[in-house]
PDB file of all heavy atoms in Angstrom:
ATOM      1  N   LYS A   1      -5.950 -10.695  -1.668  1.00  0.00           N
ATOM      2  CA  LYS A   1      -4.980  -9.783  -0.995  1.00  0.00           C
ATOM      3  C   LYS A   1      -4.031  -9.233  -1.876  1.00  0.00           C
ATOM      4  O   LYS A   1      -3.622  -8.092  -1.829  1.00  0.00           O
ATOM      5  CB  LYS A   1      -4.359 -10.625   0.096  1.00  0.00           C
ATOM      6  CG  LYS A   1      -5.241 -10.980   1.335  1.00  0.00           C
ATOM      7  CD  LYS A   1      -4.480 -11.494   2.425  1.00  0.00           C
ATOM      8  CE  LYS A   1      -5.228 -11.571   3.779  1.00  0.00           C
ATOM      9  NZ  LYS A   1      -4.404 -12.094   4.911  1.00  0.00           N
ATOM     10  N   GLY A   2      -3.476  -9.988  -2.805  1.00  0.00           N
ATOM     11  CA  GLY A   2      -2.386  -9.527  -3.783  1.00  0.00           C
ATOM     12  C   GLY A   2      -2.938  -8.422  -4.680  1.00  0.00           C
ATOM     13  O   GLY A   2      -2.324  -7.412  -4.907  1.00  0.00           O
ATOM     14  N   ILE A   3      -4.217  -8.662  -5.176  1.00  0.00           N
ATOM     15  CA  ILE A   3      -4.775  -7.629  -6.036  1.00  0.00           C
ATOM     16  C   ILE A   3      -4.960  -6.394  -5.320  1.00  0.00           C
ATOM     17  O   ILE A   3      -4.732  -5.221  -5.763  1.00  0.00           O
ATOM     18  CB  ILE A   3      -6.128  -8.010  -6.664  1.00  0.00           C
ATOM     19  CG1 ILE A   3      -5.813  -9.171  -7.635  1.00  0.00           C
ATOM     20  CG2 ILE A   3      -6.922  -7.066  -7.299  1.00  0.00           C
ATOM     21  CD1 ILE A   3      -7.096  -9.882  -8.225  1.00  0.00           C
ATOM     22  N   ILE A   4      -5.530  -6.390  -4.025  1.00  0.00           N
ATOM     23  CA  ILE A   4      -5.878  -5.277  -3.274  1.00  0.00           C
ATOM     24  C   ILE A   4      -4.569  -4.513  -2.937  1.00  0.00           C
ATOM     25  O   ILE A   4      -4.507  -3.262  -2.899  1.00  0.00           O
ATOM     26  CB  ILE A   4      -6.653  -5.611  -2.071  1.00  0.00           C
ATOM     27  CG1 ILE A   4      -8.008  -6.036  -2.424  1.00  0.00           C
ATOM     28  CG2 ILE A   4      -6.716  -4.453  -1.045  1.00  0.00           C
ATOM     29  CD1 ILE A   4      -8.949  -6.614  -1.309  1.00  0.00           C
ATOM     30  N   ASP A   5      -3.514  -5.226  -2.508  1.00  0.00           N
ATOM     31  CA  ASP A   5      -2.287  -4.716  -2.192  1.00  0.00           C
ATOM     32  C   ASP A   5      -1.681  -3.913  -3.407  1.00  0.00           C
ATOM     33  O   ASP A   5      -1.234  -2.715  -3.260  1.00  0.00           O
ATOM     34  CB  ASP A   5      -1.331  -5.724  -1.724  1.00  0.00           C
ATOM     35  CG  ASP A   5       0.016  -5.217  -1.227  1.00  0.00           C
ATOM     36  OD1 ASP A   5      -0.126  -4.352  -0.372  1.00  0.00           O
ATOM     37  OD2 ASP A   5       1.100  -5.603  -1.646  1.00  0.00           O
ATOM     38  N   ASN A   6      -1.739  -4.494  -4.518  1.00  0.00           N
ATOM     39  CA  ASN A   6      -1.158  -3.869  -5.769  1.00  0.00           C
ATOM     40  C   ASN A   6      -2.076  -2.618  -6.134  1.00  0.00           C
ATOM     41  O   ASN A   6      -1.510  -1.583  -6.509  1.00  0.00           O
ATOM     42  CB  ASN A   6      -1.076  -4.856  -6.936  1.00  0.00           C
ATOM     43  CG  ASN A   6      -0.022  -5.876  -6.751  1.00  0.00           C
ATOM     44  OD1 ASN A   6       1.036  -5.559  -6.093  1.00  0.00           O
ATOM     45  ND2 ASN A   6      -0.171  -7.031  -7.308  1.00  0.00           N
ATOM     46  N   MET A   7      -3.388  -2.764  -5.955  1.00  0.00           N
ATOM     47  CA  MET A   7      -4.196  -1.679  -6.278  1.00  0.00           C
ATOM     48  C   MET A   7      -3.969  -0.512  -5.371  1.00  0.00           C
ATOM     49  O   MET A   7      -3.944   0.706  -5.736  1.00  0.00           O
ATOM     50  CB  MET A   7      -5.724  -2.119  -6.194  1.00  0.00           C
ATOM     51  CG  MET A   7      -6.748  -1.046  -6.451  1.00  0.00           C
ATOM     52  SD  MET A   7      -8.434  -1.680  -6.186  1.00  0.00           S
ATOM     53  CE  MET A   7      -8.454  -2.783  -7.726  1.00  0.00           C
ATOM     54  N   SER A   8      -3.737  -0.798  -4.057  1.00  0.00           N
ATOM     55  CA  SER A   8      -3.447   0.253  -3.070  1.00  0.00           C
ATOM     56  C   SER A   8      -2.079   0.908  -3.377  1.00  0.00           C
ATOM     57  O   SER A   8      -1.961   2.104  -3.199  1.00  0.00           O
ATOM     58  CB  SER A   8      -3.476  -0.283  -1.698  1.00  0.00           C
ATOM     59  OG  SER A   8      -4.793  -0.817  -1.384  1.00  0.00           O
ATOM     60  N   LYS A   9      -1.111   0.165  -3.713  1.00  0.00           N
ATOM     61  CA  LYS A   9       0.200   0.795  -4.095  1.00  0.00           C
ATOM     62  C   LYS A   9       0.122   1.589  -5.347  1.00  0.00           C
ATOM     63  O   LYS A   9       0.769   2.651  -5.366  1.00  0.00           O
ATOM     64  CB  LYS A   9       1.164  -0.318  -4.343  1.00  0.00           C
ATOM     65  CG  LYS A   9       1.608  -1.106  -3.044  1.00  0.00           C
ATOM     66  CD  LYS A   9       2.661  -2.272  -3.462  1.00  0.00           C
ATOM     67  CE  LYS A   9       3.022  -3.027  -2.220  1.00  0.00           C
ATOM     68  NZ  LYS A   9       3.917  -4.207  -2.502  1.00  0.00           N
ATOM     69  N   ARG A  10      -0.722   1.143  -6.299  1.00  0.00           N
ATOM     70  CA  ARG A  10      -0.857   1.918  -7.530  1.00  0.00           C
ATOM     71  C   ARG A  10      -1.622   3.170  -7.415  1.00  0.00           C
ATOM     72  O   ARG A  10      -1.321   4.261  -7.928  1.00  0.00           O
ATOM     73  CB  ARG A  10      -1.442   1.013  -8.585  1.00  0.00           C
ATOM     74  CG  ARG A  10      -1.619   1.600  -9.982  1.00  0.00           C
ATOM     75  CD  ARG A  10      -0.313   1.952 -10.688  1.00  0.00           C
ATOM     76  NE  ARG A  10      -0.524   2.373 -11.996  1.00  0.00           N
ATOM     77  CZ  ARG A  10      -0.783   3.726 -12.359  1.00  0.00           C
ATOM     78  NH1 ARG A  10      -0.804   4.610 -11.296  1.00  0.00           N
ATOM     79  NH2 ARG A  10      -1.010   4.080 -13.561  1.00  0.00           N
ATOM     80  N   PHE A  11      -2.737   3.098  -6.671  1.00  0.00           N
ATOM     81  CA  PHE A  11      -3.675   4.195  -6.714  1.00  0.00           C
ATOM     82  C   PHE A  11      -4.077   4.815  -5.319  1.00  0.00           C
ATOM     83  O   PHE A  11      -4.738   5.795  -5.192  1.00  0.00           O
ATOM     84  CB  PHE A  11      -5.110   3.680  -7.337  1.00  0.00           C
ATOM     85  CG  PHE A  11      -4.888   3.373  -8.792  1.00  0.00           C
ATOM     86  CD1 PHE A  11      -5.138   1.991  -9.046  1.00  0.00           C
ATOM     87  CD2 PHE A  11      -4.526   4.182  -9.736  1.00  0.00           C
ATOM     88  CE1 PHE A  11      -4.938   1.482 -10.351  1.00  0.00           C
ATOM     89  CE2 PHE A  11      -4.400   3.782 -11.047  1.00  0.00           C
ATOM     90  CZ  PHE A  11      -4.692   2.436 -11.324  1.00  0.00           C
ATOM     91  N   GLY A  12      -3.440   4.297  -4.241  1.00  0.00           N
ATOM     92  CA  GLY A  12      -3.570   4.758  -2.911  1.00  0.00           C
ATOM     93  C   GLY A  12      -2.365   5.709  -2.575  1.00  0.00           C
ATOM     94  O   GLY A  12      -1.625   6.069  -3.396  1.00  0.00           O
ATOM     95  N   ASN A  13      -2.327   6.021  -1.275  1.00  0.00           N
ATOM     96  CA  ASN A  13      -1.228   6.921  -0.793  1.00  0.00           C
ATOM     97  C   ASN A  13      -0.371   6.131   0.264  1.00  0.00           C
ATOM     98  O   ASN A  13      -0.892   5.383   0.999  1.00  0.00           O
ATOM     99  CB  ASN A  13      -1.804   8.197  -0.061  1.00  0.00           C
ATOM    100  CG  ASN A  13      -2.585   9.007  -1.068  1.00  0.00           C
ATOM    101  OD1 ASN A  13      -2.068   9.362  -2.145  1.00  0.00           O
ATOM    102  ND2 ASN A  13      -3.810   9.415  -0.722  1.00  0.00           N
ATOM    103  N   LEU A  14       0.914   6.341   0.098  1.00  0.00           N
ATOM    104  CA  LEU A  14       1.821   5.792   1.150  1.00  0.00           C
ATOM    105  C   LEU A  14       1.522   6.357   2.550  1.00  0.00           C
ATOM    106  O   LEU A  14       1.551   7.602   2.719  1.00  0.00           O
ATOM    107  CB  LEU A  14       3.293   6.014   0.754  1.00  0.00           C
ATOM    108  CG  LEU A  14       4.281   5.459   1.788  1.00  0.00           C
ATOM    109  CD1 LEU A  14       4.299   3.981   1.847  1.00  0.00           C
ATOM    110  CD2 LEU A  14       5.666   6.068   1.303  1.00  0.00           C
ATOM    111  N   ILE A  15       1.271   5.583   3.546  1.00  0.00           N
ATOM    112  CA  ILE A  15       0.874   6.152   4.789  1.00  0.00           C
ATOM    113  C   ILE A  15       1.909   5.674   5.888  1.00  0.00           C
ATOM    114  O   ILE A  15       1.911   6.374   7.021  1.00  0.00           O
ATOM    115  CB  ILE A  15      -0.538   5.843   5.292  1.00  0.00           C
ATOM    116  CG1 ILE A  15      -0.781   4.389   5.372  1.00  0.00           C
ATOM    117  CG2 ILE A  15      -1.533   6.461   4.367  1.00  0.00           C
ATOM    118  CD1 ILE A  15      -2.099   3.876   5.920  1.00  0.00           C
ATOM    119  N   TRP A  16       2.622   4.633   5.685  1.00  0.00           N
ATOM    120  CA  TRP A  16       3.471   4.212   6.793  1.00  0.00           C
ATOM    121  C   TRP A  16       4.558   3.250   6.254  1.00  0.00           C
ATOM    122  O   TRP A  16       4.362   2.460   5.304  1.00  0.00           O
ATOM    123  CB  TRP A  16       2.692   3.453   7.873  1.00  0.00           C
ATOM    124  CG  TRP A  16       3.466   3.083   9.117  1.00  0.00           C
ATOM    125  CD1 TRP A  16       3.673   1.801   9.605  1.00  0.00           C
ATOM    126  CD2 TRP A  16       4.211   4.070   9.927  1.00  0.00           C
ATOM    127  NE1 TRP A  16       4.510   1.936  10.705  1.00  0.00           N
ATOM    128  CE2 TRP A  16       4.747   3.247  10.973  1.00  0.00           C
ATOM    129  CE3 TRP A  16       4.315   5.392  10.017  1.00  0.00           C
ATOM    130  CZ2 TRP A  16       5.568   3.794  11.952  1.00  0.00           C
ATOM    131  CZ3 TRP A  16       5.054   5.956  11.000  1.00  0.00           C
ATOM    132  CH2 TRP A  16       5.703   5.190  11.977  1.00  0.00           C
ATOM    133  N   LYS A  17       5.788   3.357   6.841  1.00  0.00           N
ATOM    134  CA  LYS A  17       6.898   2.449   6.523  1.00  0.00           C
ATOM    135  C   LYS A  17       7.402   1.891   7.902  1.00  0.00           C
ATOM    136  O   LYS A  17       7.373   2.608   8.762  1.00  0.00           O
ATOM    137  CB  LYS A  17       7.997   3.199   5.831  1.00  0.00           C
ATOM    138  CG  LYS A  17       7.797   3.588   4.389  1.00  0.00           C
ATOM    139  CD  LYS A  17       9.097   4.258   3.831  1.00  0.00           C
ATOM    140  CE  LYS A  17       8.910   4.672   2.453  1.00  0.00           C
ATOM    141  NZ  LYS A  17      10.190   5.220   1.939  1.00  0.00           N
ATOM    142  N   THR A  18       7.698   0.667   7.841  1.00  0.00           N
ATOM    143  CA  THR A  18       8.203  -0.077   9.103  1.00  0.00           C
ATOM    144  C   THR A  18       9.011  -1.263   8.594  1.00  0.00           C
ATOM    145  O   THR A  18       8.535  -2.104   7.829  1.00  0.00           O
ATOM    146  CB  THR A  18       7.136  -0.453  10.039  1.00  0.00           C
ATOM    147  OG1 THR A  18       7.818  -0.951  11.168  1.00  0.00           O
ATOM    148  CG2 THR A  18       6.191  -1.415   9.543  1.00  0.00           C
ATOM    149  N   ASP A  19      10.259  -1.370   9.074  1.00  0.00           N
ATOM    150  CA  ASP A  19      11.092  -2.480   8.751  1.00  0.00           C
ATOM    151  C   ASP A  19      11.140  -2.837   7.243  1.00  0.00           C
ATOM    152  O   ASP A  19      11.150  -4.009   6.877  1.00  0.00           O
ATOM    153  CB  ASP A  19      10.659  -3.728   9.588  1.00  0.00           C
ATOM    154  CG  ASP A  19      10.669  -3.496  11.039  1.00  0.00           C
ATOM    155  OD1 ASP A  19      11.644  -2.833  11.514  1.00  0.00           O
ATOM    156  OD2 ASP A  19       9.852  -4.085  11.731  1.00  0.00           O
ATOM    157  N   GLY A  20      11.229  -1.768   6.524  1.00  0.00           N
ATOM    158  CA  GLY A  20      11.363  -2.014   5.038  1.00  0.00           C
ATOM    159  C   GLY A  20      10.084  -2.260   4.291  1.00  0.00           C
ATOM    160  O   GLY A  20      10.043  -2.513   3.116  1.00  0.00           O
ATOM    161  N   ARG A  21       8.934  -2.321   5.027  1.00  0.00           N
ATOM    162  CA  ARG A  21       7.637  -2.674   4.462  1.00  0.00           C
ATOM    163  C   ARG A  21       6.848  -1.385   4.362  1.00  0.00           C
ATOM    164  O   ARG A  21       6.927  -0.509   5.278  1.00  0.00           O
ATOM    165  CB  ARG A  21       6.867  -3.595   5.395  1.00  0.00           C
ATOM    166  CG  ARG A  21       7.621  -4.956   5.449  1.00  0.00           C
ATOM    167  CD  ARG A  21       6.721  -6.017   6.183  1.00  0.00           C
ATOM    168  NE  ARG A  21       6.063  -5.634   7.395  1.00  0.00           N
ATOM    169  CZ  ARG A  21       6.660  -5.431   8.577  1.00  0.00           C
ATOM    170  NH1 ARG A  21       7.977  -5.612   8.681  1.00  0.00           N
ATOM    171  NH2 ARG A  21       6.011  -5.127   9.676  1.00  0.00           N
ATOM    172  N   GLU A  22       6.069  -1.242   3.249  1.00  0.00           N
ATOM    173  CA  GLU A  22       5.301   0.024   2.972  1.00  0.00           C
ATOM    174  C   GLU A  22       3.779  -0.276   3.108  1.00  0.00           C
ATOM    175  O   GLU A  22       3.420  -1.404   2.644  1.00  0.00           O
ATOM    176  CB  GLU A  22       5.642   0.593   1.684  1.00  0.00           C
ATOM    177  CG  GLU A  22       7.072   1.005   1.586  1.00  0.00           C
ATOM    178  CD  GLU A  22       7.345   1.642   0.231  1.00  0.00           C
ATOM    179  OE1 GLU A  22       6.671   1.326  -0.741  1.00  0.00           O
ATOM    180  OE2 GLU A  22       8.361   2.413   0.046  1.00  0.00           O
ATOM    181  N   PHE A  23       3.068   0.594   3.630  1.00  0.00           N
ATOM    182  CA  PHE A  23       1.630   0.480   3.811  1.00  0.00           C
ATOM    183  C   PHE A  23       0.858   1.581   3.136  1.00  0.00           C
ATOM    184  O   PHE A  23       1.290   2.791   3.333  1.00  0.00           O
ATOM    185  CB  PHE A  23       1.184   0.362   5.256  1.00  0.00           C
ATOM    186  CG  PHE A  23       1.798  -0.889   5.984  1.00  0.00           C
ATOM    187  CD1 PHE A  23       3.106  -0.918   6.400  1.00  0.00           C
ATOM    188  CD2 PHE A  23       1.047  -2.027   6.068  1.00  0.00           C
ATOM    189  CE1 PHE A  23       3.707  -1.980   7.084  1.00  0.00           C
ATOM    190  CE2 PHE A  23       1.632  -3.112   6.685  1.00  0.00           C
ATOM    191  CZ  PHE A  23       2.925  -3.088   7.142  1.00  0.00           C
ATOM    192  N   TYR A  24      -0.127   1.270   2.417  1.00  0.00           N
ATOM    193  CA  TYR A  24      -0.821   2.323   1.558  1.00  0.00           C
ATOM    194  C   TYR A  24      -2.333   2.375   1.933  1.00  0.00           C
ATOM    195  O   TYR A  24      -2.904   1.311   2.337  1.00  0.00           O
ATOM    196  CB  TYR A  24      -0.642   1.890   0.124  1.00  0.00           C
ATOM    197  CG  TYR A  24       0.657   2.045  -0.525  1.00  0.00           C
ATOM    198  CD1 TYR A  24       1.632   1.141  -0.267  1.00  0.00           C
ATOM    199  CD2 TYR A  24       1.095   3.220  -1.175  1.00  0.00           C
ATOM    200  CE1 TYR A  24       3.024   1.256  -0.788  1.00  0.00           C
ATOM    201  CE2 TYR A  24       2.357   3.333  -1.691  1.00  0.00           C
ATOM    202  CZ  TYR A  24       3.345   2.388  -1.488  1.00  0.00           C
ATOM    203  OH  TYR A  24       4.621   2.536  -1.936  1.00  0.00           O
ATOM    204  N   SER A  25      -2.910   3.441   1.704  1.00  0.00           N
ATOM    205  CA  SER A  25      -4.325   3.651   1.867  1.00  0.00           C
ATOM    206  C   SER A  25      -5.041   2.918   0.709  1.00  0.00           C
ATOM    207  O   SER A  25      -4.499   2.763  -0.327  1.00  0.00           O
ATOM    208  CB  SER A  25      -4.688   5.059   1.869  1.00  0.00           C
ATOM    209  OG  SER A  25      -4.440   5.734   0.569  1.00  0.00           O
ATOM    210  N   PHE A  26      -6.290   2.589   1.011  1.00  0.00           N
ATOM    211  CA  PHE A  26      -7.171   1.966  -0.039  1.00  0.00           C
ATOM    212  C   PHE A  26      -7.476   3.076  -0.970  1.00  0.00           C
ATOM    213  O   PHE A  26      -7.805   4.162  -0.568  1.00  0.00           O
ATOM    214  CB  PHE A  26      -8.319   1.338   0.568  1.00  0.00           C
ATOM    215  CG  PHE A  26      -9.136   0.358  -0.448  1.00  0.00           C
ATOM    216  CD1 PHE A  26      -8.753  -0.858  -0.619  1.00  0.00           C
ATOM    217  CD2 PHE A  26     -10.190   0.958  -1.139  1.00  0.00           C
ATOM    218  CE1 PHE A  26      -9.373  -1.674  -1.568  1.00  0.00           C
ATOM    219  CE2 PHE A  26     -10.820   0.072  -2.049  1.00  0.00           C
ATOM    220  CZ  PHE A  26     -10.443  -1.058  -2.259  1.00  0.00           C
ATOM    221  N   PRO A  27      -7.412   2.797  -2.337  1.00  0.00           N
ATOM    222  CA  PRO A  27      -7.735   3.837  -3.339  1.00  0.00           C
ATOM    223  C   PRO A  27      -9.237   4.378  -3.209  1.00  0.00           C
ATOM    224  O   PRO A  27     -10.030   3.594  -2.907  1.00  0.00           O
ATOM    225  CB  PRO A  27      -7.508   3.265  -4.628  1.00  0.00           C
ATOM    226  CG  PRO A  27      -7.578   1.758  -4.383  1.00  0.00           C
ATOM    227  CD  PRO A  27      -7.035   1.629  -3.060  1.00  0.00           C
TER     228      PRO A  27
END
């Protein structure tokens, strides 16, 4: 999960923010 999360932050797109948390698309 950690690797996928970091990969998405690095190479995906920001798609949603809520309560200070950010969610990214899968690269």
